[in-house]
Amino acid sequence: MGTQHAPVDPVERDLAAAQLDEIALANEGRPWAVWKDFVLRWYLEAVARARAEAWVPGMAGSQDPVVEEALNRFYRHHMRLALGHLRAENLELRRKVVDALACARFYASGANDAGERAHVMLAALEPRVKGASASAGQSH
């Protein structure tokens, strides 16, 4: 998984640099552990502030209840649509499996039609095969 970087506003960068300079000057001569604690506290406060200002689902706290409800309805609507498409595709795939099994049973019974049933079945299962066989038939 690659690291993603958000664009940084130069003004925000300068502000952060100034805040770090202030922390460094205030803790000059102190041990590294004390300096590190101040930097960590500053960093965690900045992250908490960014999360409070951000509106990324799962990252920020609850916002306006009306907006939250609208988003929930939007997501539910799209999930219902996606599930409907998946159900339709599932039914179509099941139908194709049943048709393919019927074709296999036909040949397993010893019947022979010079592969005509198999070609029709393949054309029904894969539309590109039908287009290819039609163009091949026209070239003769």
C-alpha atoms as a PDB file:
ATOM      1  CA  MET A   1       0.000   0.000   0.000  1.00  0.00           C
ATOM      2  CA  GLY A   2       1.562   3.284  -1.096  1.00  0.00           C
ATOM      3  CA  THR A   3       1.845   6.336   1.060  1.00  0.00           C
ATOM      4  CA  GLN A   4      -0.486   9.141   0.124  1.00  0.00           C
ATOM      5  CA  HIS A   5       0.491  12.775   0.606  1.00  0.00           C
ATOM      6  CA  ALA A   6      -1.978  15.619   0.769  1.00  0.00           C
ATOM      7  CA  PRO A   7      -0.929  18.938  -0.730  1.00  0.00           C
ATOM      8  CA  VAL A   8       0.525  21.237   1.923  1.00  0.00           C
ATOM      9  CA  ASP A   9      -0.349  24.907   2.016  1.00  0.00           C
ATOM     10  CA  PRO A  10       2.896  26.935   2.331  1.00  0.00           C
ATOM     11  CA  VAL A  11       1.282  29.152   4.975  1.00  0.00           C
ATOM     12  CA  GLU A  12       0.380  26.085   7.073  1.00  0.00           C
ATOM     13  CA  ARG A  13       3.922  24.787   6.690  1.00  0.00           C
ATOM     14  CA  ASP A  14       5.383  28.109   7.838  1.00  0.00           C
ATOM     15  CA  LEU A  15       3.003  28.155  10.820  1.00  0.00           C
ATOM     16  CA  ALA A  16       4.033  24.615  11.816  1.00  0.00           C
ATOM     17  CA  ALA A  17       7.724  25.506  11.439  1.00  0.00           C
ATOM     18  CA  ALA A  18       7.240  28.590  13.630  1.00  0.00           C
ATOM     19  CA  GLN A  19       5.441  26.530  16.270  1.00  0.00           C
ATOM     20  CA  LEU A  20       8.267  23.973  16.292  1.00  0.00           C
ATOM     21  CA  ASP A  21      10.831  26.767  16.575  1.00  0.00           C
ATOM     22  CA  GLU A  22       8.910  28.139  19.549  1.00  0.00           C
ATOM     23  CA  ILE A  23       8.884  24.705  21.203  1.00  0.00           C
ATOM     24  CA  ALA A  24      12.624  24.311  20.554  1.00  0.00           C
ATOM     25  CA  LEU A  25      13.438  27.728  22.013  1.00  0.00           C
ATOM     26  CA  ALA A  26      11.216  27.159  25.057  1.00  0.00           C
ATOM     27  CA  ASN A  27      12.925  23.828  25.772  1.00  0.00           C
ATOM     28  CA  GLU A  28      16.515  24.763  24.915  1.00  0.00           C
ATOM     29  CA  GLY A  29      18.943  23.032  27.252  1.00  0.00           C
ATOM     30  CA  ARG A  30      16.372  20.509  28.469  1.00  0.00           C
ATOM     31  CA  PRO A  31      16.809  16.745  27.964  1.00  0.00           C
ATOM     32  CA  TRP A  32      15.596  15.126  24.731  1.00  0.00           C
ATOM     33  CA  ALA A  33      12.756  13.275  26.509  1.00  0.00           C
ATOM     34  CA  VAL A  34      11.189  16.562  27.694  1.00  0.00           C
ATOM     35  CA  TRP A  35      11.555  18.148  24.244  1.00  0.00           C
ATOM     36  CA  LYS A  36      10.057  15.028  22.630  1.00  0.00           C
ATOM     37  CA  ASP A  37       7.040  15.121  24.978  1.00  0.00           C
ATOM     38  CA  PHE A  38       6.308  18.724  23.968  1.00  0.00           C
ATOM     39  CA  VAL A  39       6.594  17.887  20.253  1.00  0.00           C
ATOM     40  CA  LEU A  40       4.335  14.842  20.662  1.00  0.00           C
ATOM     41  CA  ARG A  41       1.757  16.880  22.555  1.00  0.00           C
ATOM     42  CA  TRP A  42       1.879  19.571  19.828  1.00  0.00           C
ATOM     43  CA  TYR A  43       1.544  16.944  17.094  1.00  0.00           C
ATOM     44  CA  LEU A  44      -1.372  15.117  18.748  1.00  0.00           C
ATOM     45  CA  GLU A  45      -3.199  18.411  19.328  1.00  0.00           C
ATOM     46  CA  ALA A  46      -2.705  19.270  15.628  1.00  0.00           C
ATOM     47  CA  VAL A  47      -4.062  15.879  14.562  1.00  0.00           C
ATOM     48  CA  ALA A  48      -7.049  16.206  16.907  1.00  0.00           C
ATOM     49  CA  ARG A  49      -7.741  19.703  15.565  1.00  0.00           C
ATOM     50  CA  ALA A  50      -7.509  18.459  11.950  1.00  0.00           C
ATOM     51  CA  ARG A  51      -9.883  15.591  12.701  1.00  0.00           C
ATOM     52  CA  ALA A  52     -12.349  17.944  14.326  1.00  0.00           C
ATOM     53  CA  GLU A  53     -12.252  20.237  11.289  1.00  0.00           C
ATOM     54  CA  ALA A  54     -12.267  17.437   8.724  1.00  0.00           C
ATOM     55  CA  TRP A  55     -15.338  15.684   7.507  1.00  0.00           C
ATOM     56  CA  VAL A  56     -14.054  12.309   6.497  1.00  0.00           C
ATOM     57  CA  PRO A  57     -16.397   9.441   7.467  1.00  0.00           C
ATOM     58  CA  GLY A  58     -14.870   7.413  10.271  1.00  0.00           C
ATOM     59  CA  MET A  59     -12.250  10.035  11.031  1.00  0.00           C
ATOM     60  CA  ALA A  60     -14.231  12.967  12.343  1.00  0.00           C
ATOM     61  CA  GLY A  61     -16.881  13.046  15.009  1.00  0.00           C
ATOM     62  CA  SER A  62     -20.563  13.301  14.208  1.00  0.00           C
ATOM     63  CA  GLN A  63     -21.517  16.455  12.353  1.00  0.00           C
ATOM     64  CA  ASP A  64     -24.941  17.908  11.645  1.00  0.00           C
ATOM     65  CA  PRO A  65     -27.579  15.168  12.166  1.00  0.00           C
ATOM     66  CA  VAL A  66     -29.482  16.249   9.045  1.00  0.00           C
ATOM     67  CA  VAL A  67     -26.377  15.871   6.895  1.00  0.00           C
ATOM     68  CA  GLU A  68     -25.526  12.548   8.550  1.00  0.00           C
ATOM     69  CA  GLU A  69     -29.028  11.261   7.743  1.00  0.00           C
ATOM     70  CA  ALA A  70     -28.778  12.467   4.145  1.00  0.00           C
ATOM     71  CA  LEU A  71     -25.450  10.658   3.739  1.00  0.00           C
ATOM     72  CA  ASN A  72     -26.858   7.494   5.295  1.00  0.00           C
ATOM     73  CA  ARG A  73     -29.792   7.565   2.886  1.00  0.00           C
ATOM     74  CA  PHE A  74     -27.447   8.198  -0.036  1.00  0.00           C
ATOM     75  CA  TYR A  75     -25.236   5.229   0.907  1.00  0.00           C
ATOM     76  CA  ARG A  76     -28.253   2.957   1.523  1.00  0.00           C
ATOM     77  CA  HIS A  77     -29.689   3.903  -1.876  1.00  0.00           C
ATOM     78  CA  HIS A  78     -26.441   3.049  -3.658  1.00  0.00           C
ATOM     79  CA  MET A  79     -26.049  -0.174  -1.691  1.00  0.00           C
ATOM     80  CA  ARG A  80     -29.585  -1.223  -2.699  1.00  0.00           C
ATOM     81  CA  LEU A  81     -28.771  -0.482  -6.344  1.00  0.00           C
ATOM     82  CA  ALA A  82     -25.517  -2.434  -6.166  1.00  0.00           C
ATOM     83  CA  LEU A  83     -27.222  -5.384  -4.482  1.00  0.00           C
ATOM     84  CA  GLY A  84     -29.971  -5.335  -7.108  1.00  0.00           C
ATOM     85  CA  HIS A  85     -27.394  -5.457  -9.905  1.00  0.00           C
ATOM     86  CA  LEU A  86     -25.524  -8.272  -8.170  1.00  0.00           C
ATOM     87  CA  ARG A  87     -28.720 -10.287  -7.701  1.00  0.00           C
ATOM     88  CA  ALA A  88     -29.630  -9.873 -11.385  1.00  0.00           C
ATOM     89  CA  GLU A  89     -26.122 -10.921 -12.439  1.00  0.00           C
ATOM     90  CA  ASN A  90     -26.274 -13.879 -10.066  1.00  0.00           C
ATOM     91  CA  LEU A  91     -29.570 -15.055 -11.550  1.00  0.00           C
ATOM     92  CA  GLU A  92     -28.189 -14.688 -15.075  1.00  0.00           C
ATOM     93  CA  LEU A  93     -25.078 -16.662 -14.157  1.00  0.00           C
ATOM     94  CA  ARG A  94     -27.182 -19.397 -12.590  1.00  0.00           C
ATOM     95  CA  ARG A  95     -29.282 -19.597 -15.757  1.00  0.00           C
ATOM     96  CA  LYS A  96     -26.122 -19.910 -17.839  1.00  0.00           C
ATOM     97  CA  VAL A  97     -24.803 -22.678 -15.579  1.00  0.00           C
ATOM     98  CA  VAL A  98     -28.088 -24.583 -15.899  1.00  0.00           C
ATOM     99  CA  ASP A  99     -27.961 -24.212 -19.707  1.00  0.00           C
ATOM    100  CA  ALA A 100     -24.316 -25.330 -19.792  1.00  0.00           C
ATOM    101  CA  LEU A 101     -25.141 -28.371 -17.666  1.00  0.00           C
ATOM    102  CA  ALA A 102     -28.001 -29.258 -20.007  1.00  0.00           C
ATOM    103  CA  CYS A 103     -25.555 -29.081 -22.922  1.00  0.00           C
ATOM    104  CA  ALA A 104     -23.013 -31.231 -21.083  1.00  0.00           C
ATOM    105  CA  ARG A 105     -25.709 -33.797 -20.227  1.00  0.00           C
ATOM    106  CA  PHE A 106     -26.754 -33.873 -23.893  1.00  0.00           C
ATOM    107  CA  TYR A 107     -23.248 -34.878 -24.965  1.00  0.00           C
ATOM    108  CA  ALA A 108     -22.731 -37.131 -21.950  1.00  0.00           C
ATOM    109  CA  SER A 109     -25.777 -39.137 -23.027  1.00  0.00           C
ATOM    110  CA  GLY A 110     -23.911 -40.078 -26.210  1.00  0.00           C
ATOM    111  CA  ALA A 111     -25.815 -37.751 -28.501  1.00  0.00           C
ATOM    112  CA  ASN A 112     -23.915 -36.332 -31.437  1.00  0.00           C
ATOM    113  CA  ASP A 113     -24.846 -33.274 -33.477  1.00  0.00           C
ATOM    114  CA  ALA A 114     -21.376 -32.397 -34.794  1.00  0.00           C
ATOM    115  CA  GLY A 115     -20.979 -29.805 -32.026  1.00  0.00           C
ATOM    116  CA  GLU A 116     -23.862 -27.617 -33.163  1.00  0.00           C
ATOM    117  CA  ARG A 117     -25.463 -27.514 -29.711  1.00  0.00           C
ATOM    118  CA  ALA A 118     -22.108 -26.633 -28.127  1.00  0.00           C
ATOM    119  CA  HIS A 119     -21.576 -23.760 -30.591  1.00  0.00           C
ATOM    120  CA  VAL A 120     -25.071 -22.392 -29.898  1.00  0.00           C
ATOM    121  CA  MET A 121     -24.494 -22.729 -26.144  1.00  0.00           C
ATOM    122  CA  LEU A 122     -21.113 -20.981 -26.310  1.00  0.00           C
ATOM    123  CA  ALA A 123     -22.607 -18.169 -28.382  1.00  0.00           C
ATOM    124  CA  ALA A 124     -25.343 -17.707 -25.758  1.00  0.00           C
ATOM    125  CA  LEU A 125     -22.851 -17.796 -22.881  1.00  0.00           C
ATOM    126  CA  GLU A 126     -20.356 -15.411 -24.428  1.00  0.00           C
ATOM    127  CA  PRO A 127     -21.717 -12.790 -26.850  1.00  0.00           C
ATOM    128  CA  ARG A 128     -18.228 -12.097 -28.269  1.00  0.00           C
ATOM    129  CA  VAL A 129     -18.043 -15.710 -29.511  1.00  0.00           C
ATOM    130  CA  LYS A 130     -21.282 -15.207 -31.434  1.00  0.00           C
ATOM    131  CA  GLY A 131     -19.912 -12.035 -33.067  1.00  0.00           C
ATOM    132  CA  ALA A 132     -16.645 -13.767 -33.942  1.00  0.00           C
ATOM    133  CA  SER A 133     -18.378 -16.807 -35.467  1.00  0.00           C
ATOM    134  CA  ALA A 134     -20.700 -14.555 -37.498  1.00  0.00           C
ATOM    135  CA  SER A 135     -17.790 -12.554 -38.911  1.00  0.00           C
ATOM    136  CA  ALA A 136     -15.871 -15.776 -39.591  1.00  0.00           C
ATOM    137  CA  GLY A 137     -18.863 -17.157 -41.492  1.00  0.00           C
ATOM    138  CA  GLN A 138     -19.043 -14.036 -43.655  1.00  0.00           C
ATOM    139  CA  SER A 139     -15.388 -14.213 -44.677  1.00  0.00           C
ATOM    140  CA  HIS A 140     -15.813 -17.594 -46.455  1.00  0.00           C
END
